N, C-alpha and C. Protein backbone atom coordinates (compact mmCIF):
# COMPACT_ATOMS: atom_id res chain seq x y z
N MET A 1 0.85 -1.19 0.00
CA MET A 1 0.00 0.00 0.00
C MET A 1 0.89 1.25 0.00
N PRO A 2 0.79 2.10 -1.03
CA PRO A 2 1.63 3.30 -1.08
C PRO A 2 1.20 4.31 -0.01
N ARG A 3 2.15 5.13 0.40
CA ARG A 3 1.83 6.22 1.32
C ARG A 3 0.98 7.23 0.56
N THR A 4 0.08 7.88 1.27
CA THR A 4 -0.83 8.83 0.64
C THR A 4 -0.71 10.19 1.29
N SER A 5 -0.92 11.21 0.49
CA SER A 5 -0.79 12.59 0.93
C SER A 5 -1.86 13.41 0.23
N ALA A 6 -2.27 14.51 0.85
CA ALA A 6 -3.30 15.37 0.25
C ALA A 6 -2.97 16.84 0.51
N GLY A 7 -3.30 17.70 -0.46
CA GLY A 7 -2.99 19.11 -0.31
C GLY A 7 -3.91 20.00 -1.11
N ILE A 8 -3.72 21.30 -0.89
CA ILE A 8 -4.53 22.32 -1.57
C ILE A 8 -3.59 23.32 -2.22
N LEU A 9 -3.80 23.53 -3.51
CA LEU A 9 -3.03 24.50 -4.29
C LEU A 9 -3.86 25.79 -4.38
N LEU A 10 -3.46 26.80 -3.61
CA LEU A 10 -4.16 28.08 -3.63
C LEU A 10 -3.66 28.88 -4.83
N HIS A 11 -4.58 29.51 -5.53
CA HIS A 11 -4.21 30.30 -6.70
C HIS A 11 -5.01 31.59 -6.74
N ARG A 12 -4.47 32.56 -7.48
CA ARG A 12 -5.13 33.85 -7.64
C ARG A 12 -4.73 34.43 -8.99
N ARG A 13 -5.46 35.43 -9.41
CA ARG A 13 -5.12 36.17 -10.63
C ARG A 13 -4.18 37.30 -10.21
N GLY A 14 -2.95 37.27 -10.72
CA GLY A 14 -1.97 38.31 -10.40
C GLY A 14 -1.86 39.29 -11.55
N PRO A 15 -1.03 40.30 -11.40
CA PRO A 15 -0.88 41.31 -12.45
C PRO A 15 -0.39 40.73 -13.78
N ALA A 16 0.39 39.64 -13.70
CA ALA A 16 0.95 39.05 -14.93
C ALA A 16 0.31 37.70 -15.26
N GLY A 17 -0.83 37.39 -14.63
CA GLY A 17 -1.48 36.11 -14.90
C GLY A 17 -1.68 35.30 -13.62
N ARG A 18 -1.93 34.03 -13.79
CA ARG A 18 -2.22 33.14 -12.66
C ARG A 18 -1.00 32.96 -11.77
N GLU A 19 -1.21 33.04 -10.44
CA GLU A 19 -0.16 32.82 -9.46
C GLU A 19 -0.59 31.71 -8.50
N VAL A 20 0.39 31.00 -7.95
CA VAL A 20 0.12 29.93 -6.99
C VAL A 20 0.93 30.18 -5.72
N LEU A 21 0.36 29.76 -4.59
CA LEU A 21 1.03 29.89 -3.30
C LEU A 21 1.74 28.59 -2.98
N LEU A 22 3.05 28.68 -2.79
CA LEU A 22 3.87 27.51 -2.47
C LEU A 22 4.60 27.73 -1.16
N GLY A 23 4.96 26.62 -0.51
CA GLY A 23 5.73 26.68 0.71
C GLY A 23 7.13 26.11 0.49
N HIS A 24 8.13 26.82 1.02
CA HIS A 24 9.51 26.33 0.94
C HIS A 24 9.71 25.32 2.07
N MET A 25 10.15 24.13 1.73
CA MET A 25 10.29 23.08 2.72
C MET A 25 11.34 23.45 3.77
N GLY A 26 10.97 23.24 5.02
CA GLY A 26 11.84 23.60 6.13
C GLY A 26 12.83 22.49 6.46
N GLY A 27 13.73 22.82 7.36
CA GLY A 27 14.73 21.86 7.80
C GLY A 27 16.06 22.08 7.12
N PRO A 28 17.10 21.48 7.67
CA PRO A 28 18.46 21.74 7.19
C PRO A 28 18.73 21.24 5.77
N PHE A 29 18.07 20.18 5.32
CA PHE A 29 18.33 19.66 3.98
C PHE A 29 17.95 20.67 2.91
N TRP A 30 16.86 21.41 3.14
CA TRP A 30 16.33 22.33 2.13
C TRP A 30 16.80 23.77 2.31
N ALA A 31 17.50 24.08 3.40
CA ALA A 31 17.81 25.46 3.77
C ALA A 31 18.52 26.26 2.67
N ARG A 32 19.43 25.65 1.96
CA ARG A 32 20.20 26.39 0.94
C ARG A 32 19.73 26.10 -0.49
N LYS A 33 18.56 25.48 -0.61
CA LYS A 33 18.04 25.15 -1.93
C LYS A 33 16.84 26.04 -2.24
N ASP A 34 16.67 26.31 -3.52
CA ASP A 34 15.52 27.12 -3.93
C ASP A 34 14.75 26.40 -5.03
N ASP A 35 15.32 26.32 -6.24
CA ASP A 35 14.62 25.59 -7.30
C ASP A 35 14.46 24.13 -6.88
N GLY A 36 13.26 23.62 -7.04
CA GLY A 36 12.96 22.24 -6.68
C GLY A 36 12.79 22.01 -5.19
N ALA A 37 12.70 23.08 -4.40
CA ALA A 37 12.61 22.96 -2.94
C ALA A 37 11.30 23.52 -2.38
N TRP A 38 10.34 23.79 -3.23
CA TRP A 38 9.05 24.34 -2.81
C TRP A 38 7.98 23.27 -3.04
N SER A 39 6.89 23.38 -2.29
CA SER A 39 5.86 22.35 -2.34
C SER A 39 4.47 22.95 -2.21
N ILE A 40 3.50 22.22 -2.74
CA ILE A 40 2.10 22.50 -2.45
C ILE A 40 1.89 22.15 -0.98
N PRO A 41 1.22 22.98 -0.20
CA PRO A 41 0.96 22.61 1.20
C PRO A 41 0.17 21.30 1.26
N LYS A 42 0.75 20.30 1.92
CA LYS A 42 0.16 18.96 1.92
C LYS A 42 0.66 18.17 3.11
N GLY A 43 0.05 17.01 3.31
CA GLY A 43 0.51 16.14 4.38
C GLY A 43 0.01 14.72 4.19
N GLU A 44 0.69 13.80 4.85
CA GLU A 44 0.33 12.38 4.75
C GLU A 44 -0.96 12.09 5.50
N HIS A 45 -1.64 11.05 5.03
CA HIS A 45 -2.85 10.58 5.72
C HIS A 45 -2.93 9.06 5.63
N GLY A 46 -3.67 8.52 6.56
CA GLY A 46 -3.87 7.08 6.60
C GLY A 46 -5.06 6.66 5.75
N PRO A 47 -5.24 5.35 5.58
CA PRO A 47 -6.31 4.84 4.72
C PRO A 47 -7.72 5.15 5.25
N ASP A 48 -7.85 5.40 6.54
CA ASP A 48 -9.17 5.67 7.11
C ASP A 48 -9.47 7.16 7.24
N GLU A 49 -8.57 8.02 6.77
CA GLU A 49 -8.80 9.46 6.86
C GLU A 49 -9.35 9.99 5.54
N ASP A 50 -10.17 11.03 5.64
CA ASP A 50 -10.73 11.70 4.47
C ASP A 50 -9.65 12.61 3.87
N PRO A 51 -9.21 12.36 2.63
CA PRO A 51 -8.14 13.17 2.04
C PRO A 51 -8.44 14.66 2.01
N LEU A 52 -9.69 15.04 1.73
CA LEU A 52 -10.01 16.47 1.68
C LEU A 52 -9.89 17.10 3.07
N ALA A 53 -10.34 16.41 4.10
CA ALA A 53 -10.20 16.92 5.46
C ALA A 53 -8.72 17.06 5.83
N VAL A 54 -7.92 16.09 5.42
CA VAL A 54 -6.48 16.16 5.68
C VAL A 54 -5.86 17.34 4.93
N ALA A 55 -6.27 17.55 3.69
CA ALA A 55 -5.74 18.67 2.90
C ALA A 55 -6.03 20.00 3.61
N HIS A 56 -7.24 20.17 4.12
CA HIS A 56 -7.59 21.39 4.87
C HIS A 56 -6.73 21.51 6.14
N ARG A 57 -6.60 20.43 6.88
CA ARG A 57 -5.82 20.44 8.12
C ARG A 57 -4.37 20.81 7.85
N GLU A 58 -3.78 20.17 6.84
CA GLU A 58 -2.37 20.41 6.53
C GLU A 58 -2.13 21.83 6.04
N PHE A 59 -3.05 22.37 5.25
CA PHE A 59 -2.94 23.76 4.80
C PHE A 59 -2.85 24.68 6.01
N THR A 60 -3.77 24.47 6.96
CA THR A 60 -3.80 25.29 8.17
C THR A 60 -2.53 25.12 8.99
N GLU A 61 -2.08 23.88 9.16
CA GLU A 61 -0.88 23.63 9.95
C GLU A 61 0.37 24.22 9.30
N GLU A 62 0.49 24.11 7.99
CA GLU A 62 1.71 24.53 7.32
C GLU A 62 1.75 26.02 7.02
N LEU A 63 0.58 26.68 6.91
CA LEU A 63 0.56 28.10 6.57
C LEU A 63 0.01 28.97 7.70
N GLY A 64 -0.56 28.35 8.73
CA GLY A 64 -1.05 29.12 9.87
C GLY A 64 -2.37 29.80 9.64
N SER A 65 -3.10 29.40 8.62
CA SER A 65 -4.37 30.02 8.27
C SER A 65 -5.24 28.99 7.57
N PRO A 66 -6.56 29.03 7.80
CA PRO A 66 -7.41 28.11 7.04
C PRO A 66 -7.45 28.48 5.56
N VAL A 67 -7.89 27.56 4.75
CA VAL A 67 -8.01 27.81 3.31
C VAL A 67 -8.99 28.98 3.10
N PRO A 68 -8.57 30.05 2.42
CA PRO A 68 -9.43 31.22 2.26
C PRO A 68 -10.40 31.09 1.08
N ALA A 69 -11.02 29.93 0.95
CA ALA A 69 -11.97 29.69 -0.15
C ALA A 69 -12.87 28.53 0.24
N ALA A 70 -14.10 28.58 -0.22
CA ALA A 70 -15.04 27.50 0.07
C ALA A 70 -15.13 26.51 -1.10
N ASP A 71 -14.95 27.00 -2.31
CA ASP A 71 -15.07 26.15 -3.49
C ASP A 71 -13.71 25.58 -3.86
N LEU A 72 -13.65 24.25 -3.88
CA LEU A 72 -12.41 23.58 -4.26
C LEU A 72 -12.65 22.73 -5.50
N VAL A 73 -11.66 22.73 -6.37
CA VAL A 73 -11.74 21.98 -7.62
C VAL A 73 -10.74 20.83 -7.54
N PRO A 74 -11.21 19.58 -7.70
CA PRO A 74 -10.26 18.47 -7.63
C PRO A 74 -9.30 18.47 -8.82
N LEU A 75 -8.01 18.32 -8.53
CA LEU A 75 -6.99 18.22 -9.58
C LEU A 75 -6.50 16.79 -9.75
N GLY A 76 -7.08 15.88 -8.98
CA GLY A 76 -6.76 14.46 -9.14
C GLY A 76 -5.57 14.02 -8.33
N GLN A 77 -5.03 12.86 -8.74
CA GLN A 77 -3.92 12.23 -8.04
C GLN A 77 -2.72 12.05 -8.96
N LEU A 78 -1.56 12.03 -8.33
CA LEU A 78 -0.30 11.73 -9.02
C LEU A 78 0.58 10.94 -8.07
N ARG A 79 1.39 10.09 -8.63
CA ARG A 79 2.41 9.43 -7.82
C ARG A 79 3.65 10.31 -7.86
N ALA A 80 4.07 10.77 -6.68
CA ALA A 80 5.23 11.65 -6.58
C ALA A 80 6.05 11.25 -5.36
N SER A 81 7.34 11.07 -5.55
CA SER A 81 8.27 10.72 -4.47
C SER A 81 7.80 9.51 -3.67
N GLY A 82 7.29 8.50 -4.36
CA GLY A 82 6.86 7.28 -3.70
C GLY A 82 5.53 7.37 -2.98
N LYS A 83 4.83 8.49 -3.12
CA LYS A 83 3.53 8.68 -2.49
C LYS A 83 2.49 8.92 -3.57
N VAL A 84 1.24 8.68 -3.21
CA VAL A 84 0.13 9.08 -4.06
C VAL A 84 -0.40 10.39 -3.47
N LEU A 85 -0.27 11.46 -4.25
CA LEU A 85 -0.66 12.79 -3.81
C LEU A 85 -1.97 13.20 -4.48
N THR A 86 -2.95 13.59 -3.67
CA THR A 86 -4.24 14.09 -4.15
C THR A 86 -4.30 15.58 -3.85
N VAL A 87 -4.64 16.38 -4.87
CA VAL A 87 -4.63 17.84 -4.70
C VAL A 87 -5.93 18.45 -5.19
N TRP A 88 -6.36 19.49 -4.47
CA TRP A 88 -7.49 20.32 -4.86
C TRP A 88 -6.97 21.72 -5.09
N ALA A 89 -7.63 22.47 -5.98
CA ALA A 89 -7.30 23.87 -6.22
C ALA A 89 -8.35 24.73 -5.54
N ALA A 90 -7.90 25.86 -5.00
CA ALA A 90 -8.80 26.82 -4.37
C ALA A 90 -8.37 28.22 -4.80
N GLU A 91 -9.32 29.02 -5.27
CA GLU A 91 -8.99 30.39 -5.64
C GLU A 91 -9.21 31.29 -4.44
N GLY A 92 -8.16 32.01 -4.08
CA GLY A 92 -8.25 32.90 -2.93
C GLY A 92 -6.94 33.63 -2.74
N ASP A 93 -6.89 34.44 -1.69
CA ASP A 93 -5.70 35.23 -1.42
C ASP A 93 -5.28 35.03 0.02
N LEU A 94 -4.00 35.14 0.26
CA LEU A 94 -3.43 34.95 1.58
C LEU A 94 -2.14 35.75 1.63
N ASP A 95 -1.85 36.38 2.75
CA ASP A 95 -0.61 37.12 2.91
C ASP A 95 0.52 36.13 3.15
N ALA A 96 1.32 35.87 2.14
CA ALA A 96 2.39 34.87 2.25
C ALA A 96 3.40 35.24 3.33
N ALA A 97 3.66 36.52 3.52
CA ALA A 97 4.65 36.94 4.51
C ALA A 97 4.18 36.66 5.94
N ALA A 98 2.88 36.53 6.14
CA ALA A 98 2.33 36.30 7.48
C ALA A 98 2.19 34.81 7.81
N CYS A 99 2.53 33.94 6.89
CA CYS A 99 2.36 32.50 7.12
C CYS A 99 3.32 31.99 8.19
N THR A 100 2.80 31.13 9.05
CA THR A 100 3.60 30.49 10.09
C THR A 100 3.27 29.00 10.08
N SER A 101 4.28 28.18 10.24
CA SER A 101 4.12 26.73 10.11
C SER A 101 4.28 26.01 11.44
N ASN A 102 3.71 24.81 11.50
CA ASN A 102 4.00 23.92 12.61
C ASN A 102 5.44 23.43 12.45
N THR A 103 5.93 22.69 13.43
CA THR A 103 7.34 22.28 13.42
C THR A 103 7.49 20.76 13.54
N PHE A 104 8.69 20.30 13.29
CA PHE A 104 9.04 18.89 13.49
C PHE A 104 10.41 18.84 14.16
N GLU A 105 10.70 17.73 14.81
CA GLU A 105 11.99 17.55 15.47
C GLU A 105 12.87 16.62 14.65
N LEU A 106 14.18 16.92 14.68
CA LEU A 106 15.14 16.15 13.91
C LEU A 106 16.48 16.19 14.64
N GLU A 107 17.17 15.06 14.65
CA GLU A 107 18.52 15.06 15.19
C GLU A 107 19.42 15.78 14.19
N TRP A 108 20.00 16.91 14.63
CA TRP A 108 20.84 17.70 13.74
C TRP A 108 21.94 18.36 14.53
N PRO A 109 23.16 18.28 14.08
CA PRO A 109 23.66 17.51 12.95
C PRO A 109 23.47 15.99 13.18
N PRO A 110 23.52 15.24 12.08
CA PRO A 110 23.32 13.79 12.20
C PRO A 110 24.30 13.16 13.19
N ARG A 111 23.81 12.18 13.94
CA ARG A 111 24.58 11.42 14.92
C ARG A 111 25.18 12.29 16.02
N SER A 112 24.63 13.50 16.22
CA SER A 112 25.15 14.40 17.25
C SER A 112 24.45 14.19 18.59
N GLY A 113 23.27 13.53 18.55
CA GLY A 113 22.48 13.38 19.76
C GLY A 113 21.70 14.64 20.11
N ARG A 114 21.83 15.67 19.30
CA ARG A 114 21.16 16.95 19.55
C ARG A 114 19.87 17.02 18.73
N ILE A 115 18.74 17.17 19.39
CA ILE A 115 17.44 17.27 18.72
C ILE A 115 17.11 18.75 18.54
N GLN A 116 16.81 19.11 17.32
CA GLN A 116 16.43 20.50 17.02
C GLN A 116 15.03 20.52 16.43
N GLU A 117 14.39 21.66 16.54
CA GLU A 117 13.05 21.85 16.00
C GLU A 117 13.14 22.73 14.76
N PHE A 118 12.43 22.33 13.70
CA PHE A 118 12.43 23.07 12.44
C PHE A 118 10.99 23.25 11.97
N PRO A 119 10.69 24.35 11.27
CA PRO A 119 9.35 24.51 10.69
C PRO A 119 9.19 23.58 9.49
N GLU A 120 7.97 23.03 9.31
CA GLU A 120 7.72 22.21 8.12
C GLU A 120 7.86 23.04 6.86
N ILE A 121 7.35 24.26 6.92
CA ILE A 121 7.47 25.22 5.82
C ILE A 121 8.15 26.45 6.41
N ASP A 122 9.32 26.82 5.90
CA ASP A 122 10.02 27.95 6.53
C ASP A 122 9.63 29.31 5.94
N ARG A 123 8.96 29.29 4.80
CA ARG A 123 8.41 30.52 4.22
C ARG A 123 7.44 30.14 3.12
N ALA A 124 6.57 31.08 2.78
CA ALA A 124 5.62 30.88 1.69
C ALA A 124 5.75 32.06 0.74
N ALA A 125 5.40 31.83 -0.52
CA ALA A 125 5.47 32.91 -1.51
C ALA A 125 4.53 32.61 -2.67
N TRP A 126 4.13 33.67 -3.33
CA TRP A 126 3.32 33.57 -4.55
C TRP A 126 4.27 33.55 -5.75
N PHE A 127 3.99 32.65 -6.69
CA PHE A 127 4.79 32.55 -7.91
C PHE A 127 3.87 32.50 -9.12
N ALA A 128 4.28 33.17 -10.20
CA ALA A 128 3.61 32.98 -11.48
C ALA A 128 3.78 31.51 -11.86
N VAL A 129 2.82 30.97 -12.57
CA VAL A 129 2.84 29.54 -12.88
C VAL A 129 4.15 29.13 -13.56
N ASP A 130 4.64 29.91 -14.50
CA ASP A 130 5.89 29.54 -15.18
C ASP A 130 7.07 29.48 -14.21
N GLU A 131 7.15 30.42 -13.27
CA GLU A 131 8.23 30.39 -12.28
C GLU A 131 8.03 29.22 -11.31
N ALA A 132 6.78 28.92 -10.99
CA ALA A 132 6.47 27.82 -10.07
C ALA A 132 6.96 26.48 -10.63
N ARG A 133 6.99 26.34 -11.94
CA ARG A 133 7.47 25.09 -12.54
C ARG A 133 8.91 24.79 -12.11
N ALA A 134 9.73 25.82 -11.95
CA ALA A 134 11.12 25.63 -11.52
C ALA A 134 11.22 25.47 -10.01
N LYS A 135 10.33 26.12 -9.28
CA LYS A 135 10.41 26.11 -7.81
C LYS A 135 9.90 24.80 -7.20
N LEU A 136 8.85 24.24 -7.77
CA LEU A 136 8.22 23.04 -7.21
C LEU A 136 9.12 21.81 -7.30
N VAL A 137 8.97 20.90 -6.33
CA VAL A 137 9.61 19.60 -6.48
C VAL A 137 9.02 18.96 -7.73
N GLY A 138 9.84 18.25 -8.48
CA GLY A 138 9.46 17.77 -9.80
C GLY A 138 8.15 17.01 -9.89
N GLY A 139 7.87 16.14 -8.95
CA GLY A 139 6.68 15.30 -9.02
C GLY A 139 5.37 16.06 -8.90
N GLN A 140 5.43 17.31 -8.43
CA GLN A 140 4.20 18.10 -8.26
C GLN A 140 3.91 19.02 -9.44
N VAL A 141 4.86 19.21 -10.33
CA VAL A 141 4.70 20.13 -11.46
C VAL A 141 3.47 19.85 -12.31
N PRO A 142 3.11 18.59 -12.60
CA PRO A 142 1.92 18.36 -13.42
C PRO A 142 0.63 18.97 -12.85
N PHE A 143 0.59 19.22 -11.54
CA PHE A 143 -0.60 19.85 -10.98
C PHE A 143 -0.78 21.28 -11.49
N LEU A 144 0.29 21.93 -11.92
CA LEU A 144 0.17 23.27 -12.47
C LEU A 144 -0.60 23.24 -13.79
N ASP A 145 -0.30 22.24 -14.63
CA ASP A 145 -1.04 22.11 -15.90
C ASP A 145 -2.49 21.78 -15.63
N ARG A 146 -2.73 20.92 -14.66
CA ARG A 146 -4.11 20.56 -14.32
C ARG A 146 -4.86 21.78 -13.79
N LEU A 147 -4.17 22.63 -13.03
CA LEU A 147 -4.80 23.86 -12.54
C LEU A 147 -5.20 24.75 -13.71
N LEU A 148 -4.27 24.97 -14.64
CA LEU A 148 -4.57 25.82 -15.79
C LEU A 148 -5.71 25.27 -16.62
N GLU A 149 -5.78 23.95 -16.77
CA GLU A 149 -6.90 23.34 -17.49
C GLU A 149 -8.21 23.59 -16.74
N ALA A 150 -8.17 23.47 -15.44
CA ALA A 150 -9.38 23.61 -14.62
C ALA A 150 -9.92 25.04 -14.60
N VAL A 151 -9.00 26.04 -14.64
CA VAL A 151 -9.45 27.44 -14.57
C VAL A 151 -9.55 28.08 -15.96
N GLY A 152 -9.22 27.33 -16.99
CA GLY A 152 -9.37 27.85 -18.34
C GLY A 152 -8.21 28.70 -18.83
N GLY A 153 -7.01 28.32 -18.46
CA GLY A 153 -5.82 29.01 -18.99
C GLY A 153 -5.16 29.89 -17.95
N PRO A 154 -4.16 30.67 -18.41
CA PRO A 154 -3.38 31.48 -17.48
C PRO A 154 -4.22 32.58 -16.89
């Protein structure tokens, strides 16, 4: 049984076209990376959990705010990084600079015996869809095309 994850891709109409809100993955591995180090706000769920409820919960946990939209459009599923990821799109706005994330603990540096706390998402930002293609981890990029199809273009 593959691991499963669910998330919400928030989008808005920006001055130069469609923009998406992404979170930069937190922790020491991602700290000095930019391209390929951003993600749709998402989280893992078990087989008995409702993926849409998990997507809402994870959005709130990772960005510090509930989804600012009531209407969600399903973008389907993709296998990415060994997981099956289910994503919905929501049109709305959120102050990316005000986002705050929950945290996780990790032994860092490795084998040091020292446990440190890191944010799951260390920052959030709005990106034009074309720029988001470079910022997103590779397995999530097809959701951008699905978003554009769902909203009728850029």
